[in-house]
Protein backbone atom coordinates (compact mmCIF):
# COMPACT_ATOMS: atom_id res chain seq x y z
CA MET A 1 21.29 20.77 6.03
CA PHE A 2 19.35 20.74 2.74
CA ASN A 3 22.30 22.14 0.79
CA ARG A 4 23.83 18.65 0.84
CA SER A 5 20.74 17.10 -0.80
CA SER A 6 19.28 17.42 -4.28
CA ALA A 7 15.74 18.59 -4.89
CA PHE A 8 13.99 17.06 -7.90
CA ILE A 9 10.92 19.01 -8.96
CA ILE A 10 8.96 16.55 -11.10
CA CYS A 11 6.33 18.50 -13.01
CA ALA A 12 5.68 19.50 -16.63
CA ASN A 13 3.90 22.73 -15.60
CA SER A 14 6.49 25.54 -15.87
CA ALA A 15 4.59 27.92 -13.55
CA TRP A 16 4.51 25.33 -10.76
CA THR A 17 8.16 24.46 -11.37
CA LYS A 18 9.25 28.09 -11.12
CA SER A 19 7.26 28.63 -7.94
CA CYS A 20 8.62 25.45 -6.31
CA ASN A 21 12.17 26.31 -7.35
CA SER A 22 12.04 29.66 -5.59
CA VAL A 23 10.61 28.13 -2.37
CA LEU A 24 13.16 25.29 -2.30
CA SER A 25 16.04 27.72 -2.93
CA GLU A 26 14.86 29.80 0.03
CA ILE A 27 14.77 26.70 2.23
CA GLY A 28 18.40 25.98 1.35
CA PHE A 29 18.54 23.43 -1.47
CA ALA A 30 21.61 24.37 -3.53
CA HIS A 31 21.09 21.71 -6.22
CA ILE A 32 17.64 21.70 -7.84
CA GLU A 33 16.71 19.67 -10.93
CA HIS A 34 13.58 20.23 -13.02
CA ILE A 35 12.20 17.01 -14.43
CA THR A 36 9.16 16.81 -16.69
CA ASP A 37 8.29 13.09 -16.55
CA ALA A 38 9.38 9.57 -15.58
CA LYS A 39 11.45 9.16 -18.78
CA ALA A 40 13.41 12.33 -18.04
CA LEU A 41 13.94 11.15 -14.46
CA ALA A 42 15.85 8.13 -15.76
CA LEU A 43 18.36 10.47 -17.46
CA VAL A 44 19.10 12.60 -14.39
CA PRO A 45 22.06 11.47 -12.27
CA PHE A 46 21.28 10.87 -8.60
CA SER A 47 24.55 12.55 -7.65
CA ARG A 48 24.04 13.54 -4.02
CA PRO A 49 23.75 11.20 -1.03
CA LEU A 50 20.06 12.09 -0.72
CA GLN A 51 17.42 13.32 -3.17
CA PHE A 52 14.10 14.88 -2.18
CA CYS A 53 11.51 14.37 -4.93
CA PHE A 54 8.82 17.04 -5.08
CA ILE A 55 5.62 16.38 -7.01
CA THR A 56 2.63 18.63 -7.62
CA PRO A 57 -1.03 17.95 -8.40
CA ALA A 58 -0.42 19.73 -11.72
CA SER A 59 1.13 16.47 -12.93
CA ASP A 60 -1.03 14.00 -14.84
CA GLN A 61 -2.13 11.20 -12.48
CA ASN A 62 -0.84 8.42 -14.71
CA GLU A 63 2.49 10.20 -15.08
CA LEU A 64 2.63 10.66 -11.33
CA LYS A 65 2.19 6.90 -10.88
CA ARG A 66 4.97 6.24 -13.41
CA VAL A 67 7.28 8.59 -11.49
CA MET A 68 6.45 6.84 -8.20
CA ARG A 69 7.18 3.43 -9.76
CA ALA A 70 10.46 4.68 -11.27
CA ILE A 71 11.73 5.90 -7.90
CA ARG A 72 10.25 3.24 -5.61
CA GLY A 73 11.36 0.53 -8.05
CA HIS A 74 14.96 1.76 -8.31
CA ASN A 75 17.58 -0.92 -7.73
CA LEU A 76 19.57 1.21 -5.25
CA ASP A 77 18.18 1.82 -1.76
CA LYS A 78 19.47 5.40 -1.60
CA HIS A 79 17.16 6.28 -4.48
CA ARG A 80 14.34 3.83 -3.79
CA PHE A 81 13.81 5.38 -0.37
CA SER A 82 14.03 8.99 -1.55
CA PRO A 83 11.54 11.21 0.27
CA MET A 84 8.55 11.83 -2.02
CA ILE A 85 6.80 15.08 -1.10
CA MET A 86 3.56 16.39 -2.61
CA LEU A 87 3.37 20.21 -2.78
CA ALA A 88 -0.18 21.47 -3.23
CA ARG A 89 -2.31 24.57 -2.76
CA SER A 90 -5.41 22.76 -1.53
CA LEU A 91 -6.50 19.15 -1.56
CA SER A 92 -9.65 17.37 -0.51
CA ARG A 93 -9.50 14.63 2.15
CA ARG A 94 -10.06 12.09 -0.64
CA GLN A 95 -7.12 13.44 -2.67
CA ILE A 96 -4.88 13.33 0.40
CA ASP A 97 -5.88 9.70 1.02
CA ASP A 98 -5.20 8.85 -2.63
CA TYR A 99 -1.71 10.39 -2.55
CA ILE A 100 -0.87 8.63 0.71
CA ALA A 101 -2.02 5.36 -0.87
CA LEU A 102 0.50 5.94 -3.68
CA GLY A 103 3.34 6.00 -1.16
CA MET A 104 3.98 9.71 -0.60
CA ASP A 105 6.14 10.49 2.41
CA ASP A 106 4.40 13.79 3.13
CA ILE A 107 2.00 16.35 1.72
CA VAL A 108 2.69 20.04 2.29
CA GLN A 109 -0.14 22.43 1.47
CA PHE A 110 0.27 26.13 0.74
CA PRO A 111 0.09 28.79 1.97
CA CYS A 112 2.61 28.00 4.68
CA SER A 113 5.74 29.63 6.07
CA LEU A 114 9.21 28.60 4.97
CA LYS A 115 9.90 27.57 8.57
CA PHE A 116 6.85 25.29 8.58
CA MET A 117 7.90 23.69 5.31
CA GLY A 118 11.52 23.31 6.41
CA ASP A 119 10.39 21.68 9.66
CA ARG A 120 8.17 19.25 7.74
CA LEU A 121 11.03 18.28 5.44
CA LYS A 122 13.35 17.75 8.41
CA ARG A 123 10.97 15.02 9.61
CA GLN A 124 12.37 12.91 6.77
CA LEU A 125 15.92 13.11 8.13
CA CYS A 126 18.00 11.55 10.91
CA ARG A 127 15.30 9.44 12.57
CA PRO A 128 14.20 5.84 12.03
CA LEU A 129 11.31 5.50 9.55
CA LYS A 130 9.26 2.40 8.74
CA TYR A 131 8.49 1.40 5.17
CA PHE A 132 6.23 -1.45 4.10
CA GLU A 133 6.23 -3.51 0.92
CA THR A 134 3.25 -5.66 -0.08
CA ASP A 135 1.92 -6.95 -3.40
CA THR A 136 0.13 -3.64 -3.96
CA TYR A 137 2.06 -1.04 -1.97
CA PHE A 138 5.58 0.18 -1.32
CA GLY A 139 6.08 3.22 0.84
CA PRO A 140 6.08 4.68 4.33
CA ASP A 141 4.00 3.24 7.15
CA ARG A 142 0.46 4.44 6.40
CA ARG A 143 -1.49 2.39 8.93
CA ARG A 144 -2.94 5.46 10.64
CA HIS A 145 -4.34 6.58 7.27
CA ALA A 146 -5.62 3.18 6.20
CA GLU A 147 -8.75 2.90 8.29
CA ARG A 148 -10.96 2.79 5.17
CA GLU A 149 -8.96 0.10 3.36
CA ALA A 150 -10.70 -3.24 2.91
CA ASP A 151 -7.57 -5.23 3.69
CA HIS A 152 -6.38 -3.03 6.56
CA GLN A 153 -7.66 -5.26 9.36
CA GLU A 154 -6.26 -8.32 7.61
CA ARG A 155 -2.78 -6.78 7.50
CA ARG A 156 -2.98 -5.58 11.10
CA LYS A 157 -3.71 -9.13 12.21
CA GLY A 158 -0.76 -10.38 10.18
CA GLU A 159 -2.89 -12.39 7.74
CA ALA A 160 -1.07 -11.06 4.65
CA ASP A 161 2.59 -11.21 3.60
CA TYR A 162 4.65 -8.05 3.86
CA ARG A 163 8.21 -6.84 4.24
CA GLN A 164 9.01 -4.10 6.72
CA TYR A 165 12.08 -1.89 6.36
CA LEU A 166 13.48 0.35 9.07
CA ILE A 167 15.54 3.09 7.42
CA GLN A 168 17.26 6.30 8.38
CA ARG A 169 18.04 9.15 5.97
CA ASP A 170 21.06 11.35 6.42
CA PRO A 171 22.17 14.23 4.17
CA PHE A 172 25.81 13.11 4.52
CA GLU A 173 25.41 9.32 4.32
CA GLY A 174 22.21 8.92 2.29
CA VAL A 175 19.89 6.05 3.28
CA ARG A 176 20.96 3.58 5.95
CA MET A 177 19.11 0.28 6.29
CA LEU A 178 18.63 -0.39 10.01
CA ASP A 179 16.49 -3.54 9.80
CA ILE A 180 14.43 -5.71 7.44
CA TYR A 181 11.63 -7.95 8.63
CA ASP A 182 9.83 -10.46 6.38
CA HIS A 183 6.38 -11.44 7.59
CA GLN A 184 5.05 -14.69 6.11
CA ALA A 185 1.34 -15.10 6.83
CA SER A 186 1.47 -18.84 6.05
CA GLN A 187 4.06 -19.38 8.79
CA LEU A 188 1.92 -17.45 11.28
CA ALA A 189 -1.14 -19.54 10.36
CA GLY A 190 0.88 -22.74 10.86
CA THR A 191 2.09 -21.59 14.28
CA GLU A 192 -1.45 -20.71 15.40
CA ALA A 193 -2.77 -24.07 14.19
CA GLU A 194 -0.09 -25.90 16.23
CA ALA A 195 -0.93 -23.87 19.32
CA SER A 196 -4.63 -24.79 19.18
């Protein structure tokens, strides 16, 4: 399954890159690219239907944000909705929350078995996934992780604008857009005012 997808390891640390390369080869990725930063990412062809982007905490935080913007801001959906996976040895709850807030699709912590990691990566494939786009966020549905956000309740009540995408990733077809929903808070407010 993974042999039809590319794996981009985005990290300047050569030790991490080598370690990740060996794990991803074992899982079945036949095409693996090593990318040092967001500028280098722009030069790499997205040649397969689907690209998994693997990031590590060894990357500089500002560079990590640039990489996220480069992928999530891509003009083609098949790249914009690439699965972004954080590979880490150990992270605090705060770090996990911070990476989720950036728009990561998943975080896999080592040590873990190859089967566990493969199963986690398969979650990104062949099933409908919700993505949200707001003024400050673009990424997978993170509502279960957003309990501590100041604007979380506001968004749950529909008091802020957002766009919701329903996508499905397939190693043969790439990303399929199943649905797009635009929520306009001003229209909701107008409807509620008319009802009262």
